[in-house]
Amino acid sequence: MATDPNIYLTVAASGLIGLAMLVTAGLSGWRGWLALKQEELGSHRQLREPVYDEPNMGTAGSRIEIADLKERIRKLEAIAAGVDL
């Protein structure tokens, strides 16, 4: 049976060093993943931010849909005002 305290100290020190290496690698990976997600969110925000200075003409389908919505709003306003259509 080995009762030399140096063996226990060596094993404990090796374990701590190994644990420190794993924690450092994990932290580095976590920071890299966070940086990647932050970059993805930043590029996603740039694509989705509306520009209010210039009117967006869009496609013909979206213009038709907007016209349809405006007509529905006119009808609802007429109903609210008590006007028969």
PDB file of N, CA and C in Angstrom:
ATOM      1  N   MET A   1       0.820  -1.163   0.000  1.00  0.00           N
ATOM      2  CA  MET A   1       0.000   0.000   0.000  1.00  0.00           C
ATOM      3  C   MET A   1       0.879   1.247   0.000  1.00  0.00           C
ATOM      4  N   ALA A   2       0.518   2.181  -0.882  1.00  0.00           N
ATOM      5  CA  ALA A   2       1.334   3.386  -0.968  1.00  0.00           C
ATOM      6  C   ALA A   2       0.740   4.451  -0.063  1.00  0.00           C
ATOM      7  N   THR A   3       1.499   4.910   0.847  1.00  0.00           N
ATOM      8  CA  THR A   3       1.038   5.942   1.779  1.00  0.00           C
ATOM      9  C   THR A   3       1.855   7.213   1.636  1.00  0.00           C
ATOM     10  N   ASP A   4       2.607   7.310   0.556  1.00  0.00           N
ATOM     11  CA  ASP A   4       3.444   8.486   0.327  1.00  0.00           C
ATOM     12  C   ASP A   4       2.547   9.689  -0.001  1.00  0.00           C
ATOM     13  N   PRO A   5       2.624  10.778   0.771  1.00  0.00           N
ATOM     14  CA  PRO A   5       1.755  11.942   0.508  1.00  0.00           C
ATOM     15  C   PRO A   5       2.072  12.625  -0.822  1.00  0.00           C
ATOM     16  N   ASN A   6       3.267  12.440  -1.348  1.00  0.00           N
ATOM     17  CA  ASN A   6       3.604  13.064  -2.639  1.00  0.00           C
ATOM     18  C   ASN A   6       2.749  12.503  -3.769  1.00  0.00           C
ATOM     19  N   ILE A   7       2.382  11.235  -3.693  1.00  0.00           N
ATOM     20  CA  ILE A   7       1.541  10.630  -4.740  1.00  0.00           C
ATOM     21  C   ILE A   7       0.172  11.301  -4.734  1.00  0.00           C
ATOM     22  N   TYR A   8      -0.409  11.496  -3.559  1.00  0.00           N
ATOM     23  CA  TYR A   8      -1.726  12.133  -3.460  1.00  0.00           C
ATOM     24  C   TYR A   8      -1.667  13.583  -3.945  1.00  0.00           C
ATOM     25  N   LEU A   9      -0.602  14.272  -3.584  1.00  0.00           N
ATOM     26  CA  LEU A   9      -0.455  15.656  -4.032  1.00  0.00           C
ATOM     27  C   LEU A   9      -0.291  15.730  -5.553  1.00  0.00           C
ATOM     28  N   THR A  10       0.449  14.814  -6.120  1.00  0.00           N
ATOM     29  CA  THR A  10       0.662  14.787  -7.567  1.00  0.00           C
ATOM     30  C   THR A  10      -0.635  14.487  -8.303  1.00  0.00           C
ATOM     31  N   VAL A  11      -1.381  13.521  -7.814  1.00  0.00           N
ATOM     32  CA  VAL A  11      -2.664  13.176  -8.452  1.00  0.00           C
ATOM     33  C   VAL A  11      -3.648  14.339  -8.315  1.00  0.00           C
ATOM     34  N   ALA A  12      -3.701  14.956  -7.137  1.00  0.00           N
ATOM     35  CA  ALA A  12      -4.602  16.089  -6.933  1.00  0.00           C
ATOM     36  C   ALA A  12      -4.210  17.265  -7.820  1.00  0.00           C
ATOM     37  N   ALA A  13      -2.925  17.575  -7.909  1.00  0.00           N
ATOM     38  CA  ALA A  13      -2.458  18.676  -8.743  1.00  0.00           C
ATOM     39  C   ALA A  13      -2.744  18.391 -10.216  1.00  0.00           C
ATOM     40  N   SER A  14      -2.528  17.154 -10.647  1.00  0.00           N
ATOM     41  CA  SER A  14      -2.820  16.784 -12.041  1.00  0.00           C
ATOM     42  C   SER A  14      -4.307  16.917 -12.335  1.00  0.00           C
ATOM     43  N   GLY A  15      -5.131  16.508 -11.395  1.00  0.00           N
ATOM     44  CA  GLY A  15      -6.578  16.641 -11.568  1.00  0.00           C
ATOM     45  C   GLY A  15      -7.006  18.092 -11.662  1.00  0.00           C
ATOM     46  N   LEU A  16      -6.447  18.926 -10.809  1.00  0.00           N
ATOM     47  CA  LEU A  16      -6.790  20.345 -10.849  1.00  0.00           C
ATOM     48  C   LEU A  16      -6.327  21.006 -12.139  1.00  0.00           C
ATOM     49  N   ILE A  17      -5.144  20.652 -12.594  1.00  0.00           N
ATOM     50  CA  ILE A  17      -4.632  21.206 -13.852  1.00  0.00           C
ATOM     51  C   ILE A  17      -5.508  20.773 -15.024  1.00  0.00           C
ATOM     52  N   GLY A  18      -5.892  19.497 -15.033  1.00  0.00           N
ATOM     53  CA  GLY A  18      -6.775  18.996 -16.093  1.00  0.00           C
ATOM     54  C   GLY A  18      -8.131  19.684 -16.056  1.00  0.00           C
ATOM     55  N   LEU A  19      -8.672  19.857 -14.845  1.00  0.00           N
ATOM     56  CA  LEU A  19      -9.951  20.546 -14.711  1.00  0.00           C
ATOM     57  C   LEU A  19      -9.844  21.999 -15.181  1.00  0.00           C
ATOM     58  N   ALA A  20      -8.762  22.656 -14.833  1.00  0.00           N
ATOM     59  CA  ALA A  20      -8.551  24.038 -15.269  1.00  0.00           C
ATOM     60  C   ALA A  20      -8.466  24.124 -16.787  1.00  0.00           C
ATOM     61  N   MET A  21      -7.812  23.141 -17.405  1.00  0.00           N
ATOM     62  CA  MET A  21      -7.719  23.139 -18.868  1.00  0.00           C
ATOM     63  C   MET A  21      -9.099  22.954 -19.498  1.00  0.00           C
ATOM     64  N   LEU A  22      -9.905  22.063 -18.950  1.00  0.00           N
ATOM     65  CA  LEU A  22     -11.249  21.842 -19.477  1.00  0.00           C
ATOM     66  C   LEU A  22     -12.132  23.080 -19.304  1.00  0.00           C
ATOM     67  N   VAL A  23     -12.039  23.705 -18.145  1.00  0.00           N
ATOM     68  CA  VAL A  23     -12.831  24.906 -17.895  1.00  0.00           C
ATOM     69  C   VAL A  23     -12.411  26.029 -18.838  1.00  0.00           C
ATOM     70  N   THR A  24     -11.131  26.185 -19.061  1.00  0.00           N
ATOM     71  CA  THR A  24     -10.638  27.221 -19.968  1.00  0.00           C
ATOM     72  C   THR A  24     -11.116  26.969 -21.396  1.00  0.00           C
ATOM     73  N   ALA A  25     -11.041  25.723 -21.839  1.00  0.00           N
ATOM     74  CA  ALA A  25     -11.510  25.392 -23.190  1.00  0.00           C
ATOM     75  C   ALA A  25     -13.017  25.609 -23.296  1.00  0.00           C
ATOM     76  N   GLY A  26     -13.762  25.210 -22.280  1.00  0.00           N
ATOM     77  CA  GLY A  26     -15.208  25.417 -22.304  1.00  0.00           C
ATOM     78  C   GLY A  26     -15.575  26.881 -22.307  1.00  0.00           C
ATOM     79  N   LEU A  27     -14.893  27.680 -21.520  1.00  0.00           N
ATOM     80  CA  LEU A  27     -15.153  29.115 -21.479  1.00  0.00           C
ATOM     81  C   LEU A  27     -14.825  29.774 -22.815  1.00  0.00           C
ATOM     82  N   SER A  28     -13.745  29.347 -23.421  1.00  0.00           N
ATOM     83  CA  SER A  28     -13.378  29.884 -24.726  1.00  0.00           C
ATOM     84  C   SER A  28     -14.445  29.530 -25.773  1.00  0.00           C
ATOM     85  N   GLY A  29     -14.916  28.299 -25.742  1.00  0.00           N
ATOM     86  CA  GLY A  29     -15.977  27.890 -26.662  1.00  0.00           C
ATOM     87  C   GLY A  29     -17.270  28.647 -26.420  1.00  0.00           C
ATOM     88  N   TRP A  30     -17.614  28.851 -25.157  1.00  0.00           N
ATOM     89  CA  TRP A  30     -18.825  29.592 -24.804  1.00  0.00           C
ATOM     90  C   TRP A  30     -18.760  31.030 -25.315  1.00  0.00           C
ATOM     91  N   ARG A  31     -17.612  31.670 -25.122  1.00  0.00           N
ATOM     92  CA  ARG A  31     -17.448  33.046 -25.597  1.00  0.00           C
ATOM     93  C   ARG A  31     -17.522  33.112 -27.126  1.00  0.00           C
ATOM     94  N   GLY A  32     -16.944  32.120 -27.787  1.00  0.00           N
ATOM     95  CA  GLY A  32     -17.026  32.075 -29.241  1.00  0.00           C
ATOM     96  C   GLY A  32     -18.451  31.888 -29.713  1.00  0.00           C
ATOM     97  N   TRP A  33     -19.210  31.025 -29.031  1.00  0.00           N
ATOM     98  CA  TRP A  33     -20.599  30.790 -29.401  1.00  0.00           C
ATOM     99  C   TRP A  33     -21.420  32.057 -29.180  1.00  0.00           C
ATOM    100  N   LEU A  34     -21.187  32.744 -28.059  1.00  0.00           N
ATOM    101  CA  LEU A  34     -21.901  33.991 -27.796  1.00  0.00           C
ATOM    102  C   LEU A  34     -21.578  35.052 -28.845  1.00  0.00           C
ATOM    103  N   ALA A  35     -20.311  35.134 -29.242  1.00  0.00           N
ATOM    104  CA  ALA A  35     -19.926  36.095 -30.276  1.00  0.00           C
ATOM    105  C   ALA A  35     -20.621  35.766 -31.599  1.00  0.00           C
ATOM    106  N   LEU A  36     -20.722  34.482 -31.922  1.00  0.00           N
ATOM    107  CA  LEU A  36     -21.397  34.058 -33.147  1.00  0.00           C
ATOM    108  C   LEU A  36     -22.874  34.428 -33.107  1.00  0.00           C
ATOM    109  N   LYS A  37     -23.530  34.153 -31.996  1.00  0.00           N
ATOM    110  CA  LYS A  37     -24.954  34.481 -31.876  1.00  0.00           C
ATOM    111  C   LYS A  37     -25.178  35.990 -31.915  1.00  0.00           C
ATOM    112  N   GLN A  38     -24.293  36.739 -31.293  1.00  0.00           N
ATOM    113  CA  GLN A  38     -24.410  38.194 -31.313  1.00  0.00           C
ATOM    114  C   GLN A  38     -24.257  38.718 -32.738  1.00  0.00           C
ATOM    115  N   GLU A  39     -23.342  38.137 -33.480  1.00  0.00           N
ATOM    116  CA  GLU A  39     -23.147  38.542 -34.874  1.00  0.00           C
ATOM    117  C   GLU A  39     -24.363  38.175 -35.712  1.00  0.00           C
ATOM    118  N   GLU A  40     -24.936  36.983 -35.477  1.00  0.00           N
ATOM    119  CA  GLU A  40     -26.135  36.578 -36.204  1.00  0.00           C
ATOM    120  C   GLU A  40     -27.300  37.513 -35.900  1.00  0.00           C
ATOM    121  N   LEU A  41     -27.471  37.856 -34.639  1.00  0.00           N
ATOM    122  CA  LEU A  41     -28.554  38.762 -34.273  1.00  0.00           C
ATOM    123  C   LEU A  41     -28.335  40.150 -34.856  1.00  0.00           C
ATOM    124  N   GLY A  42     -27.095  40.593 -34.885  1.00  0.00           N
ATOM    125  CA  GLY A  42     -26.793  41.901 -35.462  1.00  0.00           C
ATOM    126  C   GLY A  42     -27.109  41.949 -36.938  1.00  0.00           C
ATOM    127  N   SER A  43     -26.746  40.912 -37.667  1.00  0.00           N
ATOM    128  CA  SER A  43     -27.035  40.892 -39.093  1.00  0.00           C
ATOM    129  C   SER A  43     -28.522  40.709 -39.336  1.00  0.00           C
ATOM    130  N   HIS A  44     -29.201  39.984 -38.449  1.00  0.00           N
ATOM    131  CA  HIS A  44     -30.640  39.788 -38.585  1.00  0.00           C
ATOM    132  C   HIS A  44     -31.376  41.105 -38.349  1.00  0.00           C
ATOM    133  N   ARG A  45     -30.927  41.891 -37.378  1.00  0.00           N
ATOM    134  CA  ARG A  45     -31.545  43.191 -37.104  1.00  0.00           C
ATOM    135  C   ARG A  45     -31.344  44.137 -38.278  1.00  0.00           C
ATOM    136  N   GLN A  46     -30.187  44.093 -38.906  1.00  0.00           N
ATOM    137  CA  GLN A  46     -29.929  44.985 -40.032  1.00  0.00           C
ATOM    138  C   GLN A  46     -30.851  44.660 -41.197  1.00  0.00           C
ATOM    139  N   LEU A  47     -31.158  43.383 -41.380  1.00  0.00           N
ATOM    140  CA  LEU A  47     -32.026  42.997 -42.481  1.00  0.00           C
ATOM    141  C   LEU A  47     -33.481  43.339 -42.194  1.00  0.00           C
ATOM    142  N   ARG A  48     -33.892  43.315 -40.925  1.00  0.00           N
ATOM    143  CA  ARG A  48     -35.296  43.472 -40.593  1.00  0.00           C
ATOM    144  C   ARG A  48     -35.682  44.888 -40.186  1.00  0.00           C
ATOM    145  N   GLU A  49     -34.733  45.784 -40.026  1.00  0.00           N
ATOM    146  CA  GLU A  49     -35.086  47.143 -39.632  1.00  0.00           C
ATOM    147  C   GLU A  49     -35.766  47.852 -40.799  1.00  0.00           C
ATOM    148  N   PRO A  50     -36.971  48.348 -40.584  1.00  0.00           N
ATOM    149  CA  PRO A  50     -37.648  49.035 -41.681  1.00  0.00           C
ATOM    150  C   PRO A  50     -37.050  50.412 -41.916  1.00  0.00           C
ATOM    151  N   VAL A  51     -37.106  50.832 -43.145  1.00  0.00           N
ATOM    152  CA  VAL A  51     -36.639  52.166 -43.516  1.00  0.00           C
ATOM    153  C   VAL A  51     -37.874  53.028 -43.648  1.00  0.00           C
ATOM    154  N   TYR A  52     -37.978  54.054 -42.809  1.00  0.00           N
ATOM    155  CA  TYR A  52     -39.162  54.889 -42.805  1.00  0.00           C
ATOM    156  C   TYR A  52     -39.017  56.116 -43.699  1.00  0.00           C
ATOM    157  N   ASP A  53     -37.833  56.358 -44.199  1.00  0.00           N
ATOM    158  CA  ASP A  53     -37.624  57.543 -45.029  1.00  0.00           C
ATOM    159  C   ASP A  53     -38.219  57.365 -46.425  1.00  0.00           C
ATOM    160  N   GLU A  54     -38.096  56.169 -46.962  1.00  0.00           N
ATOM    161  CA  GLU A  54     -38.562  55.914 -48.309  1.00  0.00           C
ATOM    162  C   GLU A  54     -39.723  54.930 -48.267  1.00  0.00           C
ATOM    163  N   PRO A  55     -40.787  55.180 -49.020  1.00  0.00           N
ATOM    164  CA  PRO A  55     -41.887  54.217 -49.037  1.00  0.00           C
ATOM    165  C   PRO A  55     -41.460  52.937 -49.743  1.00  0.00           C
ATOM    166  N   ASN A  56     -41.838  51.829 -49.171  1.00  0.00           N
ATOM    167  CA  ASN A  56     -41.495  50.536 -49.742  1.00  0.00           C
ATOM    168  C   ASN A  56     -42.615  50.127 -50.692  1.00  0.00           C
ATOM    169  N   MET A  57     -42.311  50.081 -51.967  1.00  0.00           N
ATOM    170  CA  MET A  57     -43.327  49.739 -52.941  1.00  0.00           C
ATOM    171  C   MET A  57     -43.655  48.255 -52.902  1.00  0.00           C
ATOM    172  N   GLY A  58     -42.692  47.417 -52.645  1.00  0.00           N
ATOM    173  CA  GLY A  58     -42.941  45.990 -52.518  1.00  0.00           C
ATOM    174  C   GLY A  58     -43.371  45.363 -53.823  1.00  0.00           C
ATOM    175  N   THR A  59     -43.943  44.189 -53.695  1.00  0.00           N
ATOM    176  CA  THR A  59     -44.406  43.465 -54.874  1.00  0.00           C
ATOM    177  C   THR A  59     -45.843  43.847 -55.172  1.00  0.00           C
ATOM    178  N   ALA A  60     -46.312  43.424 -56.323  1.00  0.00           N
ATOM    179  CA  ALA A  60     -47.686  43.729 -56.713  1.00  0.00           C
ATOM    180  C   ALA A  60     -48.665  43.084 -55.744  1.00  0.00           C
ATOM    181  N   GLY A  61     -48.357  41.899 -55.299  1.00  0.00           N
ATOM    182  CA  GLY A  61     -49.241  41.202 -54.360  1.00  0.00           C
ATOM    183  C   GLY A  61     -49.385  41.950 -53.043  1.00  0.00           C
ATOM    184  N   SER A  62     -48.287  42.507 -52.546  1.00  0.00           N
ATOM    185  CA  SER A  62     -48.370  43.244 -51.288  1.00  0.00           C
ATOM    186  C   SER A  62     -49.132  44.553 -51.474  1.00  0.00           C
ATOM    187  N   ARG A  63     -48.996  45.192 -52.640  1.00  0.00           N
ATOM    188  CA  ARG A  63     -49.750  46.427 -52.895  1.00  0.00           C
ATOM    189  C   ARG A  63     -51.243  46.141 -52.971  1.00  0.00           C
ATOM    190  N   ILE A  64     -51.602  45.018 -53.592  1.00  0.00           N
ATOM    191  CA  ILE A  64     -53.013  44.631 -53.669  1.00  0.00           C
ATOM    192  C   ILE A  64     -53.552  44.346 -52.275  1.00  0.00           C
ATOM    193  N   GLU A  65     -52.758  43.670 -51.474  1.00  0.00           N
ATOM    194  CA  GLU A  65     -53.182  43.363 -50.114  1.00  0.00           C
ATOM    195  C   GLU A  65     -53.361  44.644 -49.292  1.00  0.00           C
ATOM    196  N   ILE A  66     -52.476  45.608 -49.444  1.00  0.00           N
ATOM    197  CA  ILE A  66     -52.596  46.885 -48.734  1.00  0.00           C
ATOM    198  C   ILE A  66     -53.849  47.626 -49.195  1.00  0.00           C
ATOM    199  N   ALA A  67     -54.114  47.614 -50.484  1.00  0.00           N
ATOM    200  CA  ALA A  67     -55.322  48.265 -50.996  1.00  0.00           C
ATOM    201  C   ALA A  67     -56.568  47.593 -50.432  1.00  0.00           C
ATOM    202  N   ASP A  68     -56.554  46.274 -50.345  1.00  0.00           N
ATOM    203  CA  ASP A  68     -57.678  45.534 -49.778  1.00  0.00           C
ATOM    204  C   ASP A  68     -57.878  45.900 -48.306  1.00  0.00           C
ATOM    205  N   LEU A  69     -56.792  46.011 -47.565  1.00  0.00           N
ATOM    206  CA  LEU A  69     -56.892  46.394 -46.154  1.00  0.00           C
ATOM    207  C   LEU A  69     -57.428  47.812 -45.999  1.00  0.00           C
ATOM    208  N   LYS A  70     -56.994  48.714 -46.862  1.00  0.00           N
ATOM    209  CA  LYS A  70     -57.509  50.093 -46.808  1.00  0.00           C
ATOM    210  C   LYS A  70     -59.008  50.126 -47.086  1.00  0.00           C
ATOM    211  N   GLU A  71     -59.458  49.323 -48.047  1.00  0.00           N
ATOM    212  CA  GLU A  71     -60.886  49.263 -48.365  1.00  0.00           C
ATOM    213  C   GLU A  71     -61.675  48.713 -47.180  1.00  0.00           C
ATOM    214  N   ARG A  72     -61.144  47.705 -46.526  1.00  0.00           N
ATOM    215  CA  ARG A  72     -61.812  47.155 -45.335  1.00  0.00           C
ATOM    216  C   ARG A  72     -61.903  48.201 -44.232  1.00  0.00           C
ATOM    217  N   ILE A  73     -60.842  49.001 -44.068  1.00  0.00           N
ATOM    218  CA  ILE A  73     -60.853  50.052 -43.047  1.00  0.00           C
ATOM    219  C   ILE A  73     -61.915  51.089 -43.384  1.00  0.00           C
ATOM    220  N   ARG A  74     -62.038  51.471 -44.666  1.00  0.00           N
ATOM    221  CA  ARG A  74     -63.067  52.430 -45.071  1.00  0.00           C
ATOM    222  C   ARG A  74     -64.463  51.902 -44.745  1.00  0.00           C
ATOM    223  N   LYS A  75     -64.684  50.605 -45.024  1.00  0.00           N
ATOM    224  CA  LYS A  75     -65.989  50.006 -44.742  1.00  0.00           C
ATOM    225  C   LYS A  75     -66.269  49.990 -43.240  1.00  0.00           C
ATOM    226  N   LEU A  76     -65.274  49.646 -42.444  1.00  0.00           N
ATOM    227  CA  LEU A  76     -65.462  49.620 -40.988  1.00  0.00           C
ATOM    228  C   LEU A  76     -65.723  51.025 -40.446  1.00  0.00           C
ATOM    229  N   GLU A  77     -65.037  52.024 -41.004  1.00  0.00           N
ATOM    230  CA  GLU A  77     -65.273  53.392 -40.563  1.00  0.00           C
ATOM    231  C   GLU A  77     -66.678  53.843 -40.944  1.00  0.00           C
ATOM    232  N   ALA A  78     -67.131  53.420 -42.111  1.00  0.00           N
ATOM    233  CA  ALA A  78     -68.505  53.767 -42.535  1.00  0.00           C
ATOM    234  C   ALA A  78     -69.523  53.091 -41.615  1.00  0.00           C
ATOM    235  N   ILE A  79     -69.301  51.857 -41.270  1.00  0.00           N
ATOM    236  CA  ILE A  79     -70.201  51.151 -40.347  1.00  0.00           C
ATOM    237  C   ILE A  79     -70.202  51.835 -38.992  1.00  0.00           C
ATOM    238  N   ALA A  80     -69.025  52.241 -38.513  1.00  0.00           N
ATOM    239  CA  ALA A  80     -68.939  52.912 -37.221  1.00  0.00           C
ATOM    240  C   ALA A  80     -69.644  54.265 -37.250  1.00  0.00           C
ATOM    241  N   ALA A  81     -69.628  54.933 -38.408  1.00  0.00           N
ATOM    242  CA  ALA A  81     -70.277  56.232 -38.526  1.00  0.00           C
ATOM    243  C   ALA A  81     -71.788  56.087 -38.765  1.00  0.00           C
ATOM    244  N   GLY A  82     -72.257  54.865 -39.024  1.00  0.00           N
ATOM    245  CA  GLY A  82     -73.676  54.630 -39.232  1.00  0.00           C
ATOM    246  C   GLY A  82     -74.136  54.834 -40.661  1.00  0.00           C
ATOM    247  N   VAL A  83     -73.235  54.820 -41.592  1.00  0.00           N
ATOM    248  CA  VAL A  83     -73.575  55.015 -43.002  1.00  0.00           C
ATOM    249  C   VAL A  83     -73.860  53.650 -43.632  1.00  0.00           C
ATOM    250  N   ASP A  84     -74.995  53.549 -44.360  1.00  0.00           N
ATOM    251  CA  ASP A  84     -75.289  52.301 -45.069  1.00  0.00           C
ATOM    252  C   ASP A  84     -74.474  52.238 -46.348  1.00  0.00           C
ATOM    253  N   LEU A  85     -73.933  51.067 -46.618  1.00  0.00           N
ATOM    254  CA  LEU A  85     -73.133  50.899 -47.848  1.00  0.00           C
ATOM    255  C   LEU A  85     -73.970  50.340 -48.955  1.00  0.00           C
TER     256      LEU A  85
END
